[in-house]
Amino acid sequence: MSVANEIVLDFSGIDAVTPSFVDEILAMLDKSFRRAKRDQFRLLLLNPPTRLSSKFSAVARGRGLHISESEGGAWTVTGGSAAIPS
């Protein structure tokens, strides 16, 4: 995937995020990439204030996206053909 299709957000210093906040971020991201006719994208969330829960996973699935958590705690969201887990 090219770097142009990747966005990195650092949540250092953020105390909390809600599923509705994550849903809004994913909606804007998905809409922007669709408008730009990009077939895949990746969002990397560094230093999220919480572990990835089933609520956040359900938000991503509801938008046809895949979300995972690395051993270091970062979240990776993929869309388009990149959303198919390997």
C-alpha atoms as a PDB file:
ATOM      1  CA  MET A   1       0.000   0.000   0.000  1.00  0.00           C
ATOM      2  CA  SER A   2       1.359   3.426  -0.825  1.00  0.00           C
ATOM      3  CA  VAL A   3       2.050   5.981   1.883  1.00  0.00           C
ATOM      4  CA  ALA A   4      -0.551   8.285   0.280  1.00  0.00           C
ATOM      5  CA  ASN A   5      -3.235   5.803   1.364  1.00  0.00           C
ATOM      6  CA  GLU A   6      -2.139   5.794   5.013  1.00  0.00           C
ATOM      7  CA  ILE A   7      -3.093   8.191   7.798  1.00  0.00           C
ATOM      8  CA  VAL A   8      -1.447   8.143  11.218  1.00  0.00           C
ATOM      9  CA  LEU A   9      -3.149   9.669  14.271  1.00  0.00           C
ATOM     10  CA  ASP A  10      -1.345   9.893  17.613  1.00  0.00           C
ATOM     11  CA  PHE A  11      -3.625   9.874  20.646  1.00  0.00           C
ATOM     12  CA  SER A  12      -0.865  10.712  23.166  1.00  0.00           C
ATOM     13  CA  GLY A  13      -2.376  12.783  25.957  1.00  0.00           C
ATOM     14  CA  ILE A  14      -5.962  11.778  25.132  1.00  0.00           C
ATOM     15  CA  ASP A  15      -7.797  10.326  28.130  1.00  0.00           C
ATOM     16  CA  ALA A  16     -10.654   8.527  26.386  1.00  0.00           C
ATOM     17  CA  VAL A  17     -12.405   7.865  23.087  1.00  0.00           C
ATOM     18  CA  THR A  18     -15.934   6.598  22.625  1.00  0.00           C
ATOM     19  CA  PRO A  19     -17.267   4.248  19.972  1.00  0.00           C
ATOM     20  CA  SER A  20     -19.259   7.149  18.494  1.00  0.00           C
ATOM     21  CA  PHE A  21     -16.072   9.238  18.162  1.00  0.00           C
ATOM     22  CA  VAL A  22     -14.289   6.366  16.419  1.00  0.00           C
ATOM     23  CA  ASP A  23     -17.345   5.899  14.171  1.00  0.00           C
ATOM     24  CA  GLU A  24     -17.155   9.564  13.109  1.00  0.00           C
ATOM     25  CA  ILE A  25     -13.432   9.283  12.315  1.00  0.00           C
ATOM     26  CA  LEU A  26     -14.019   6.132  10.268  1.00  0.00           C
ATOM     27  CA  ALA A  27     -16.973   7.695   8.426  1.00  0.00           C
ATOM     28  CA  MET A  28     -14.926  10.748   7.418  1.00  0.00           C
ATOM     29  CA  LEU A  29     -11.946   8.632   6.399  1.00  0.00           C
ATOM     30  CA  ASP A  30     -14.001   6.196   4.351  1.00  0.00           C
ATOM     31  CA  LYS A  31     -15.892   9.020   2.628  1.00  0.00           C
ATOM     32  CA  SER A  32     -12.679  10.905   1.801  1.00  0.00           C
ATOM     33  CA  PHE A  33     -10.983   7.893   0.261  1.00  0.00           C
ATOM     34  CA  ARG A  34     -14.084   6.927  -1.715  1.00  0.00           C
ATOM     35  CA  ARG A  35     -14.345  10.477  -3.061  1.00  0.00           C
ATOM     36  CA  ALA A  36     -10.672  10.301  -4.076  1.00  0.00           C
ATOM     37  CA  LYS A  37     -11.404   6.943  -5.758  1.00  0.00           C
ATOM     38  CA  ARG A  38      -8.785   5.154  -3.662  1.00  0.00           C
ATOM     39  CA  ASP A  39      -9.549   1.446  -3.492  1.00  0.00           C
ATOM     40  CA  GLN A  40      -7.823   0.852  -0.164  1.00  0.00           C
ATOM     41  CA  PHE A  41      -6.520   2.750   2.846  1.00  0.00           C
ATOM     42  CA  ARG A  42      -4.987   2.248   6.252  1.00  0.00           C
ATOM     43  CA  LEU A  43      -5.450   4.263   9.440  1.00  0.00           C
ATOM     44  CA  LEU A  44      -2.898   3.782  12.190  1.00  0.00           C
ATOM     45  CA  LEU A  45      -3.972   4.948  15.668  1.00  0.00           C
ATOM     46  CA  LEU A  46      -0.937   5.328  17.902  1.00  0.00           C
ATOM     47  CA  ASN A  47      -1.207   5.444  21.695  1.00  0.00           C
ATOM     48  CA  PRO A  48      -4.965   4.856  21.928  1.00  0.00           C
ATOM     49  CA  PRO A  49      -6.209   5.543  25.472  1.00  0.00           C
ATOM     50  CA  THR A  50      -7.798   2.101  25.801  1.00  0.00           C
ATOM     51  CA  ARG A  51      -7.417  -1.453  24.570  1.00  0.00           C
ATOM     52  CA  LEU A  52      -9.336  -2.419  21.449  1.00  0.00           C
ATOM     53  CA  SER A  53     -12.726  -3.711  22.577  1.00  0.00           C
ATOM     54  CA  SER A  54     -15.561  -5.532  20.855  1.00  0.00           C
ATOM     55  CA  LYS A  55     -17.463  -2.214  20.705  1.00  0.00           C
ATOM     56  CA  PHE A  56     -14.773  -0.578  18.568  1.00  0.00           C
ATOM     57  CA  SER A  57     -14.475  -3.722  16.444  1.00  0.00           C
ATOM     58  CA  ALA A  58     -18.241  -3.674  15.842  1.00  0.00           C
ATOM     59  CA  VAL A  59     -18.058  -0.028  14.735  1.00  0.00           C
ATOM     60  CA  ALA A  60     -15.406  -0.901  12.146  1.00  0.00           C
ATOM     61  CA  ARG A  61     -17.280  -4.001  10.932  1.00  0.00           C
ATOM     62  CA  GLY A  62     -20.452  -1.931  10.572  1.00  0.00           C
ATOM     63  CA  ARG A  63     -18.601   0.235   8.064  1.00  0.00           C
ATOM     64  CA  GLY A  64     -17.086  -2.730   6.220  1.00  0.00           C
ATOM     65  CA  LEU A  65     -13.637  -2.053   7.707  1.00  0.00           C
ATOM     66  CA  HIS A  66     -11.179  -4.255   9.579  1.00  0.00           C
ATOM     67  CA  ILE A  67      -9.569  -3.156  12.855  1.00  0.00           C
ATOM     68  CA  SER A  68      -6.817  -4.895  14.794  1.00  0.00           C
ATOM     69  CA  GLU A  69      -4.510  -4.181  17.705  1.00  0.00           C
ATOM     70  CA  SER A  70      -0.743  -4.708  17.625  1.00  0.00           C
ATOM     71  CA  GLU A  71       1.259  -6.117  20.530  1.00  0.00           C
ATOM     72  CA  GLY A  72       2.378  -2.555  21.262  1.00  0.00           C
ATOM     73  CA  GLY A  73      -1.250  -1.434  21.564  1.00  0.00           C
ATOM     74  CA  ALA A  74      -1.585   0.558  18.321  1.00  0.00           C
ATOM     75  CA  TRP A  75      -4.772   0.061  16.322  1.00  0.00           C
ATOM     76  CA  THR A  76      -4.740  -0.486  12.568  1.00  0.00           C
ATOM     77  CA  VAL A  77      -7.888   0.103  10.518  1.00  0.00           C
ATOM     78  CA  THR A  78      -7.966  -0.988   6.892  1.00  0.00           C
ATOM     79  CA  GLY A  79     -10.546  -0.344   4.218  1.00  0.00           C
ATOM     80  CA  GLY A  80     -11.282  -1.423   0.686  1.00  0.00           C
ATOM     81  CA  SER A  81      -9.424  -4.486  -0.515  1.00  0.00           C
ATOM     82  CA  ALA A  82      -6.992  -3.882   2.370  1.00  0.00           C
ATOM     83  CA  ALA A  83      -9.828  -4.631   4.822  1.00  0.00           C
ATOM     84  CA  ILE A  84      -9.667  -8.332   4.066  1.00  0.00           C
ATOM     85  CA  PRO A  85      -7.566  -9.828   6.883  1.00  0.00           C
ATOM     86  CA  SER A  86      -4.701 -12.048   5.802  1.00  0.00           C
END
